[in-house]
Amino acid sequence: METIKNIINIDSEILGGQPVFSGTRVPIQTLFSHLEKGISLADFLEDFPTVSKEQAIALLEIAEKICTSKNIEKIYESAA
């Protein structure tokens, strides 16, 4: 599994610090927006060829782990 730094980059010099896929200027939120609209992962990757399939899948795996964690309250506490 890739490390988070290989998937997500947060740099104040890139899109004002918005989380992006590492090595790109594609905001992480773009993937979720596409999926919410019913656009397939394949179409997202076609629209944003700088994002690798491995990065997109790894991000979705991270999101799944966060959303299904039995300790989700601790995740929110650490973000505060």
PDB file of N, CA and C in Angstrom:
ATOM      1  N   MET A   1       0.845  -1.187   0.000  1.00  0.00           N
ATOM      2  CA  MET A   1       0.000   0.000   0.000  1.00  0.00           C
ATOM      3  C   MET A   1       0.880   1.237   0.000  1.00  0.00           C
ATOM      4  N   GLU A   2       0.463   2.219  -0.735  1.00  0.00           N
ATOM      5  CA  GLU A   2       1.232   3.462  -0.818  1.00  0.00           C
ATOM      6  C   GLU A   2       1.104   4.247   0.483  1.00  0.00           C
ATOM      7  N   THR A   3       2.107   5.086   0.743  1.00  0.00           N
ATOM      8  CA  THR A   3       2.014   5.964   1.904  1.00  0.00           C
ATOM      9  C   THR A   3       1.124   7.144   1.559  1.00  0.00           C
ATOM     10  N   ILE A   4       0.603   7.771   2.577  1.00  0.00           N
ATOM     11  CA  ILE A   4      -0.291   8.915   2.352  1.00  0.00           C
ATOM     12  C   ILE A   4       0.424  10.009   1.571  1.00  0.00           C
ATOM     13  N   LYS A   5       1.723  10.204   1.808  1.00  0.00           N
ATOM     14  CA  LYS A   5       2.465  11.246   1.088  1.00  0.00           C
ATOM     15  C   LYS A   5       2.569  10.947  -0.401  1.00  0.00           C
ATOM     16  N   ASN A   6       2.453   9.682  -0.789  1.00  0.00           N
ATOM     17  CA  ASN A   6       2.457   9.319  -2.208  1.00  0.00           C
ATOM     18  C   ASN A   6       1.089   9.549  -2.845  1.00  0.00           C
ATOM     19  N   ILE A   7       0.095   9.792  -2.005  1.00  0.00           N
ATOM     20  CA  ILE A   7      -1.268   9.945  -2.496  1.00  0.00           C
ATOM     21  C   ILE A   7      -1.743  11.390  -2.385  1.00  0.00           C
ATOM     22  N   ILE A   8      -1.522  11.993  -1.206  1.00  0.00           N
ATOM     23  CA  ILE A   8      -2.047  13.328  -0.925  1.00  0.00           C
ATOM     24  C   ILE A   8      -0.908  14.295  -0.624  1.00  0.00           C
ATOM     25  N   ASN A   9      -0.984  15.479  -1.207  1.00  0.00           N
ATOM     26  CA  ASN A   9      -0.018  16.537  -0.927  1.00  0.00           C
ATOM     27  C   ASN A   9      -0.774  17.786  -0.503  1.00  0.00           C
ATOM     28  N   ILE A  10      -0.293  18.399   0.565  1.00  0.00           N
ATOM     29  CA  ILE A  10      -0.848  19.676   1.024  1.00  0.00           C
ATOM     30  C   ILE A  10       0.316  20.649   1.109  1.00  0.00           C
ATOM     31  N   ASP A  11       0.288  21.640   0.233  1.00  0.00           N
ATOM     32  CA  ASP A  11       1.373  22.613   0.124  1.00  0.00           C
ATOM     33  C   ASP A  11       0.743  23.978  -0.111  1.00  0.00           C
ATOM     34  N   SER A  12       1.078  24.936   0.740  1.00  0.00           N
ATOM     35  CA  SER A  12       0.475  26.266   0.614  1.00  0.00           C
ATOM     36  C   SER A  12       0.779  26.911  -0.737  1.00  0.00           C
ATOM     37  N   GLU A  13       1.788  26.445  -1.434  1.00  0.00           N
ATOM     38  CA  GLU A  13       2.150  26.985  -2.745  1.00  0.00           C
ATOM     39  C   GLU A  13       1.352  26.351  -3.889  1.00  0.00           C
ATOM     40  N   ILE A  14       0.614  25.292  -3.593  1.00  0.00           N
ATOM     41  CA  ILE A  14      -0.183  24.611  -4.619  1.00  0.00           C
ATOM     42  C   ILE A  14      -1.655  24.761  -4.259  1.00  0.00           C
ATOM     43  N   LEU A  15      -2.382  25.494  -5.068  1.00  0.00           N
ATOM     44  CA  LEU A  15      -3.815  25.733  -4.887  1.00  0.00           C
ATOM     45  C   LEU A  15      -4.139  26.200  -3.473  1.00  0.00           C
ATOM     46  N   GLY A  16      -3.268  27.021  -2.918  1.00  0.00           N
ATOM     47  CA  GLY A  16      -3.518  27.614  -1.606  1.00  0.00           C
ATOM     48  C   GLY A  16      -3.562  26.619  -0.465  1.00  0.00           C
ATOM     49  N   GLY A  17      -2.937  25.475  -0.644  1.00  0.00           N
ATOM     50  CA  GLY A  17      -2.902  24.478   0.420  1.00  0.00           C
ATOM     51  C   GLY A  17      -4.031  23.473   0.372  1.00  0.00           C
ATOM     52  N   GLN A  18      -4.835  23.534  -0.685  1.00  0.00           N
ATOM     53  CA  GLN A  18      -5.904  22.549  -0.843  1.00  0.00           C
ATOM     54  C   GLN A  18      -5.276  21.173  -1.065  1.00  0.00           C
ATOM     55  N   PRO A  19      -5.782  20.117  -0.415  1.00  0.00           N
ATOM     56  CA  PRO A  19      -5.227  18.773  -0.643  1.00  0.00           C
ATOM     57  C   PRO A  19      -5.366  18.370  -2.115  1.00  0.00           C
ATOM     58  N   VAL A  20      -4.252  17.936  -2.691  1.00  0.00           N
ATOM     59  CA  VAL A  20      -4.229  17.496  -4.089  1.00  0.00           C
ATOM     60  C   VAL A  20      -3.588  16.115  -4.156  1.00  0.00           C
ATOM     61  N   PHE A  21      -3.795  15.440  -5.275  1.00  0.00           N
ATOM     62  CA  PHE A  21      -3.080  14.190  -5.501  1.00  0.00           C
ATOM     63  C   PHE A  21      -1.604  14.526  -5.664  1.00  0.00           C
ATOM     64  N   SER A  22      -0.741  13.807  -4.965  1.00  0.00           N
ATOM     65  CA  SER A  22       0.698  14.066  -5.030  1.00  0.00           C
ATOM     66  C   SER A  22       1.193  14.053  -6.469  1.00  0.00           C
ATOM     67  N   GLY A  23       2.055  15.027  -6.775  1.00  0.00           N
ATOM     68  CA  GLY A  23       2.635  15.134  -8.107  1.00  0.00           C
ATOM     69  C   GLY A  23       1.716  15.774  -9.124  1.00  0.00           C
ATOM     70  N   THR A  24       0.553  16.269  -8.665  1.00  0.00           N
ATOM     71  CA  THR A  24      -0.409  16.892  -9.574  1.00  0.00           C
ATOM     72  C   THR A  24      -0.932  18.187  -8.962  1.00  0.00           C
ATOM     73  N   ARG A  25      -1.813  18.829  -9.693  1.00  0.00           N
ATOM     74  CA  ARG A  25      -2.548  19.982  -9.169  1.00  0.00           C
ATOM     75  C   ARG A  25      -4.043  19.645  -9.150  1.00  0.00           C
ATOM     76  N   VAL A  26      -4.353  18.368  -9.075  1.00  0.00           N
ATOM     77  CA  VAL A  26      -5.736  17.900  -9.076  1.00  0.00           C
ATOM     78  C   VAL A  26      -6.211  17.773  -7.625  1.00  0.00           C
ATOM     79  N   PRO A  27      -7.196  18.590  -7.240  1.00  0.00           N
ATOM     80  CA  PRO A  27      -7.704  18.505  -5.870  1.00  0.00           C
ATOM     81  C   PRO A  27      -8.324  17.142  -5.572  1.00  0.00           C
ATOM     82  N   ILE A  28      -8.092  16.654  -4.368  1.00  0.00           N
ATOM     83  CA  ILE A  28      -8.677  15.396  -3.913  1.00  0.00           C
ATOM     84  C   ILE A  28     -10.196  15.447  -4.055  1.00  0.00           C
ATOM     85  N   GLN A  29     -10.776  16.579  -3.711  1.00  0.00           N
ATOM     86  CA  GLN A  29     -12.230  16.739  -3.754  1.00  0.00           C
ATOM     87  C   GLN A  29     -12.788  16.457  -5.147  1.00  0.00           C
ATOM     88  N   THR A  30     -11.992  16.654  -6.171  1.00  0.00           N
ATOM     89  CA  THR A  30     -12.454  16.435  -7.544  1.00  0.00           C
ATOM     90  C   THR A  30     -12.880  14.987  -7.756  1.00  0.00           C
ATOM     91  N   LEU A  31     -12.139  14.052  -7.191  1.00  0.00           N
ATOM     92  CA  LEU A  31     -12.507  12.637  -7.334  1.00  0.00           C
ATOM     93  C   LEU A  31     -13.863  12.392  -6.694  1.00  0.00           C
ATOM     94  N   PHE A  32     -14.043  12.877  -5.468  1.00  0.00           N
ATOM     95  CA  PHE A  32     -15.313  12.657  -4.783  1.00  0.00           C
ATOM     96  C   PHE A  32     -16.466  13.353  -5.511  1.00  0.00           C
ATOM     97  N   SER A  33     -16.228  14.533  -6.041  1.00  0.00           N
ATOM     98  CA  SER A  33     -17.264  15.243  -6.806  1.00  0.00           C
ATOM     99  C   SER A  33     -17.676  14.438  -8.035  1.00  0.00           C
ATOM    100  N   HIS A  34     -16.701  13.887  -8.733  1.00  0.00           N
ATOM    101  CA  HIS A  34     -17.010  13.064  -9.906  1.00  0.00           C
ATOM    102  C   HIS A  34     -17.852  11.853  -9.512  1.00  0.00           C
ATOM    103  N   LEU A  35     -17.417  11.155  -8.472  1.00  0.00           N
ATOM    104  CA  LEU A  35     -18.131   9.953  -8.051  1.00  0.00           C
ATOM    105  C   LEU A  35     -19.547  10.284  -7.579  1.00  0.00           C
ATOM    106  N   GLU A  36     -19.709  11.400  -6.880  1.00  0.00           N
ATOM    107  CA  GLU A  36     -21.041  11.824  -6.423  1.00  0.00           C
ATOM    108  C   GLU A  36     -21.979  12.076  -7.591  1.00  0.00           C
ATOM    109  N   LYS A  37     -21.438  12.540  -8.700  1.00  0.00           N
ATOM    110  CA  LYS A  37     -22.247  12.826  -9.892  1.00  0.00           C
ATOM    111  C   LYS A  37     -22.482  11.580 -10.746  1.00  0.00           C
ATOM    112  N   GLY A  38     -21.954  10.426 -10.291  1.00  0.00           N
ATOM    113  CA  GLY A  38     -22.142   9.185 -11.036  1.00  0.00           C
ATOM    114  C   GLY A  38     -21.125   8.971 -12.130  1.00  0.00           C
ATOM    115  N   ILE A  39     -20.081   9.771 -12.134  1.00  0.00           N
ATOM    116  CA  ILE A  39     -19.015   9.619 -13.134  1.00  0.00           C
ATOM    117  C   ILE A  39     -18.092   8.515 -12.660  1.00  0.00           C
ATOM    118  N   SER A  40     -17.783   7.589 -13.532  1.00  0.00           N
ATOM    119  CA  SER A  40     -16.982   6.427 -13.144  1.00  0.00           C
ATOM    120  C   SER A  40     -15.534   6.802 -12.840  1.00  0.00           C
ATOM    121  N   LEU A  41     -14.871   5.926 -12.121  1.00  0.00           N
ATOM    122  CA  LEU A  41     -13.452   6.115 -11.823  1.00  0.00           C
ATOM    123  C   LEU A  41     -12.655   6.161 -13.125  1.00  0.00           C
ATOM    124  N   ALA A  42     -13.003   5.302 -14.068  1.00  0.00           N
ATOM    125  CA  ALA A  42     -12.306   5.285 -15.360  1.00  0.00           C
ATOM    126  C   ALA A  42     -12.428   6.634 -16.073  1.00  0.00           C
ATOM    127  N   ASP A  43     -13.620   7.223 -16.028  1.00  0.00           N
ATOM    128  CA  ASP A  43     -13.813   8.525 -16.668  1.00  0.00           C
ATOM    129  C   ASP A  43     -13.051   9.617 -15.924  1.00  0.00           C
ATOM    130  N   PHE A  44     -13.028   9.551 -14.589  1.00  0.00           N
ATOM    131  CA  PHE A  44     -12.239  10.509 -13.807  1.00  0.00           C
ATOM    132  C   PHE A  44     -10.781  10.435 -14.232  1.00  0.00           C
ATOM    133  N   LEU A  45     -10.242   9.228 -14.314  1.00  0.00           N
ATOM    134  CA  LEU A  45      -8.834   9.055 -14.679  1.00  0.00           C
ATOM    135  C   LEU A  45      -8.569   9.539 -16.103  1.00  0.00           C
ATOM    136  N   GLU A  46      -9.543   9.398 -16.970  1.00  0.00           N
ATOM    137  CA  GLU A  46      -9.401   9.910 -18.332  1.00  0.00           C
ATOM    138  C   GLU A  46      -9.395  11.442 -18.327  1.00  0.00           C
ATOM    139  N   ASP A  47     -10.237  12.033 -17.475  1.00  0.00           N
ATOM    140  CA  ASP A  47     -10.306  13.490 -17.370  1.00  0.00           C
ATOM    141  C   ASP A  47      -9.048  14.081 -16.728  1.00  0.00           C
ATOM    142  N   PHE A  48      -8.414  13.310 -15.836  1.00  0.00           N
ATOM    143  CA  PHE A  48      -7.239  13.788 -15.093  1.00  0.00           C
ATOM    144  C   PHE A  48      -6.106  12.769 -15.205  1.00  0.00           C
ATOM    145  N   PRO A  49      -5.456  12.715 -16.355  1.00  0.00           N
ATOM    146  CA  PRO A  49      -4.437  11.686 -16.603  1.00  0.00           C
ATOM    147  C   PRO A  49      -3.194  11.782 -15.709  1.00  0.00           C
ATOM    148  N   THR A  50      -3.017  12.900 -15.001  1.00  0.00           N
ATOM    149  CA  THR A  50      -1.863  12.996 -14.103  1.00  0.00           C
ATOM    150  C   THR A  50      -2.085  12.221 -12.808  1.00  0.00           C
ATOM    151  N   VAL A  51      -3.329  11.835 -12.538  1.00  0.00           N
ATOM    152  CA  VAL A  51      -3.639  11.020 -11.356  1.00  0.00           C
ATOM    153  C   VAL A  51      -3.564   9.555 -11.769  1.00  0.00           C
ATOM    154  N   SER A  52      -2.794   8.769 -11.032  1.00  0.00           N
ATOM    155  CA  SER A  52      -2.696   7.345 -11.363  1.00  0.00           C
ATOM    156  C   SER A  52      -3.876   6.580 -10.770  1.00  0.00           C
ATOM    157  N   LYS A  53      -4.186   5.474 -11.395  1.00  0.00           N
ATOM    158  CA  LYS A  53      -5.258   4.616 -10.887  1.00  0.00           C
ATOM    159  C   LYS A  53      -4.926   4.166  -9.465  1.00  0.00           C
ATOM    160  N   GLU A  54      -3.661   3.874  -9.216  1.00  0.00           N
ATOM    161  CA  GLU A  54      -3.223   3.431  -7.892  1.00  0.00           C
ATOM    162  C   GLU A  54      -3.477   4.506  -6.836  1.00  0.00           C
ATOM    163  N   GLN A  55      -3.202   5.776  -7.195  1.00  0.00           N
ATOM    164  CA  GLN A  55      -3.458   6.876  -6.256  1.00  0.00           C
ATOM    165  C   GLN A  55      -4.946   6.980  -5.939  1.00  0.00           C
ATOM    166  N   ALA A  56      -5.783   6.929  -6.961  1.00  0.00           N
ATOM    167  CA  ALA A  56      -7.225   7.078  -6.767  1.00  0.00           C
ATOM    168  C   ALA A  56      -7.775   5.942  -5.907  1.00  0.00           C
ATOM    169  N   ILE A  57      -7.370   4.725  -6.196  1.00  0.00           N
ATOM    170  CA  ILE A  57      -7.850   3.582  -5.421  1.00  0.00           C
ATOM    171  C   ILE A  57      -7.346   3.660  -3.987  1.00  0.00           C
ATOM    172  N   ALA A  58      -6.093   4.034  -3.807  1.00  0.00           N
ATOM    173  CA  ALA A  58      -5.544   4.155  -2.458  1.00  0.00           C
ATOM    174  C   ALA A  58      -6.288   5.217  -1.657  1.00  0.00           C
ATOM    175  N   LEU A  59      -6.643   6.324  -2.301  1.00  0.00           N
ATOM    176  CA  LEU A  59      -7.401   7.369  -1.621  1.00  0.00           C
ATOM    177  C   LEU A  59      -8.769   6.846  -1.189  1.00  0.00           C
ATOM    178  N   LEU A  60      -9.429   6.108  -2.059  1.00  0.00           N
ATOM    179  CA  LEU A  60     -10.736   5.554  -1.713  1.00  0.00           C
ATOM    180  C   LEU A  60     -10.609   4.544  -0.566  1.00  0.00           C
ATOM    181  N   GLU A  61      -9.529   3.790  -0.545  1.00  0.00           N
ATOM    182  CA  GLU A  61      -9.294   2.847   0.554  1.00  0.00           C
ATOM    183  C   GLU A  61      -9.100   3.590   1.877  1.00  0.00           C
ATOM    184  N   ILE A  62      -8.371   4.703   1.839  1.00  0.00           N
ATOM    185  CA  ILE A  62      -8.179   5.518   3.046  1.00  0.00           C
ATOM    186  C   ILE A  62      -9.522   6.064   3.524  1.00  0.00           C
ATOM    187  N   ALA A  63     -10.313   6.588   2.600  1.00  0.00           N
ATOM    188  CA  ALA A  63     -11.627   7.138   2.954  1.00  0.00           C
ATOM    189  C   ALA A  63     -12.510   6.054   3.566  1.00  0.00           C
ATOM    190  N   GLU A  64     -12.459   4.859   3.009  1.00  0.00           N
ATOM    191  CA  GLU A  64     -13.255   3.753   3.551  1.00  0.00           C
ATOM    192  C   GLU A  64     -12.826   3.436   4.980  1.00  0.00           C
ATOM    193  N   LYS A  65     -11.529   3.379   5.216  1.00  0.00           N
ATOM    194  CA  LYS A  65     -11.033   3.074   6.567  1.00  0.00           C
ATOM    195  C   LYS A  65     -11.475   4.139   7.565  1.00  0.00           C
ATOM    196  N   ILE A  66     -11.430   5.389   7.150  1.00  0.00           N
ATOM    197  CA  ILE A  66     -11.859   6.473   8.041  1.00  0.00           C
ATOM    198  C   ILE A  66     -13.350   6.353   8.330  1.00  0.00           C
ATOM    199  N   CYS A  67     -14.129   6.136   7.288  1.00  0.00           N
ATOM    200  CA  CYS A  67     -15.590   6.113   7.445  1.00  0.00           C
ATOM    201  C   CYS A  67     -16.103   4.876   8.171  1.00  0.00           C
ATOM    202  N   THR A  68     -15.349   3.811   8.174  1.00  0.00           N
ATOM    203  CA  THR A  68     -15.800   2.579   8.825  1.00  0.00           C
ATOM    204  C   THR A  68     -15.069   2.320  10.140  1.00  0.00           C
ATOM    205  N   SER A  69     -14.248   3.249  10.558  1.00  0.00           N
ATOM    206  CA  SER A  69     -13.493   3.082  11.798  1.00  0.00           C
ATOM    207  C   SER A  69     -14.424   3.072  13.000  1.00  0.00           C
ATOM    208  N   LYS A  70     -14.175   2.150  13.914  1.00  0.00           N
ATOM    209  CA  LYS A  70     -14.948   2.102  15.154  1.00  0.00           C
ATOM    210  C   LYS A  70     -14.540   3.243  16.083  1.00  0.00           C
ATOM    211  N   ASN A  71     -13.417   3.851  15.803  1.00  0.00           N
ATOM    212  CA  ASN A  71     -12.911   4.950  16.632  1.00  0.00           C
ATOM    213  C   ASN A  71     -13.022   6.285  15.906  1.00  0.00           C
ATOM    214  N   ILE A  72     -14.095   6.475  15.153  1.00  0.00           N
ATOM    215  CA  ILE A  72     -14.236   7.681  14.349  1.00  0.00           C
ATOM    216  C   ILE A  72     -14.243   8.940  15.216  1.00  0.00           C
ATOM    217  N   GLU A  73     -14.714   8.836  16.453  1.00  0.00           N
ATOM    218  CA  GLU A  73     -14.713   9.996  17.339  1.00  0.00           C
ATOM    219  C   GLU A  73     -13.284  10.468  17.571  1.00  0.00           C
ATOM    220  N   LYS A  74     -12.341   9.547  17.689  1.00  0.00           N
ATOM    221  CA  LYS A  74     -10.937   9.916  17.907  1.00  0.00           C
ATOM    222  C   LYS A  74     -10.363  10.620  16.687  1.00  0.00           C
ATOM    223  N   ILE A  75     -10.836  10.245  15.516  1.00  0.00           N
ATOM    224  CA  ILE A  75     -10.384  10.916  14.289  1.00  0.00           C
ATOM    225  C   ILE A  75     -10.830  12.368  14.329  1.00  0.00           C
ATOM    226  N   TYR A  76     -12.078  12.607  14.709  1.00  0.00           N
ATOM    227  CA  TYR A  76     -12.585  13.968  14.797  1.00  0.00           C
ATOM    228  C   TYR A  76     -11.876  14.750  15.887  1.00  0.00           C
ATOM    229  N   GLU A  77     -11.557  14.109  17.013  1.00  0.00           N
ATOM    230  CA  GLU A  77     -10.846  14.779  18.099  1.00  0.00           C
ATOM    231  C   GLU A  77      -9.466  15.241  17.630  1.00  0.00           C
ATOM    232  N   SER A  78      -8.785  14.412  16.859  1.00  0.00           N
ATOM    233  CA  SER A  78      -7.435  14.763  16.405  1.00  0.00           C
ATOM    234  C   SER A  78      -7.468  15.888  15.386  1.00  0.00           C
ATOM    235  N   ALA A  79      -8.593  16.080  14.702  1.00  0.00           N
ATOM    236  CA  ALA A  79      -8.720  17.148  13.709  1.00  0.00           C
ATOM    237  C   ALA A  79      -9.059  18.481  14.350  1.00  0.00           C
ATOM    238  N   ALA A  80      -9.499  18.440  15.586  1.00  0.00           N
ATOM    239  CA  ALA A  80      -9.917  19.688  16.259  1.00  0.00           C
ATOM    240  C   ALA A  80      -8.737  20.516  16.719  1.00  0.00           C
TER     241      ALA A  80
END
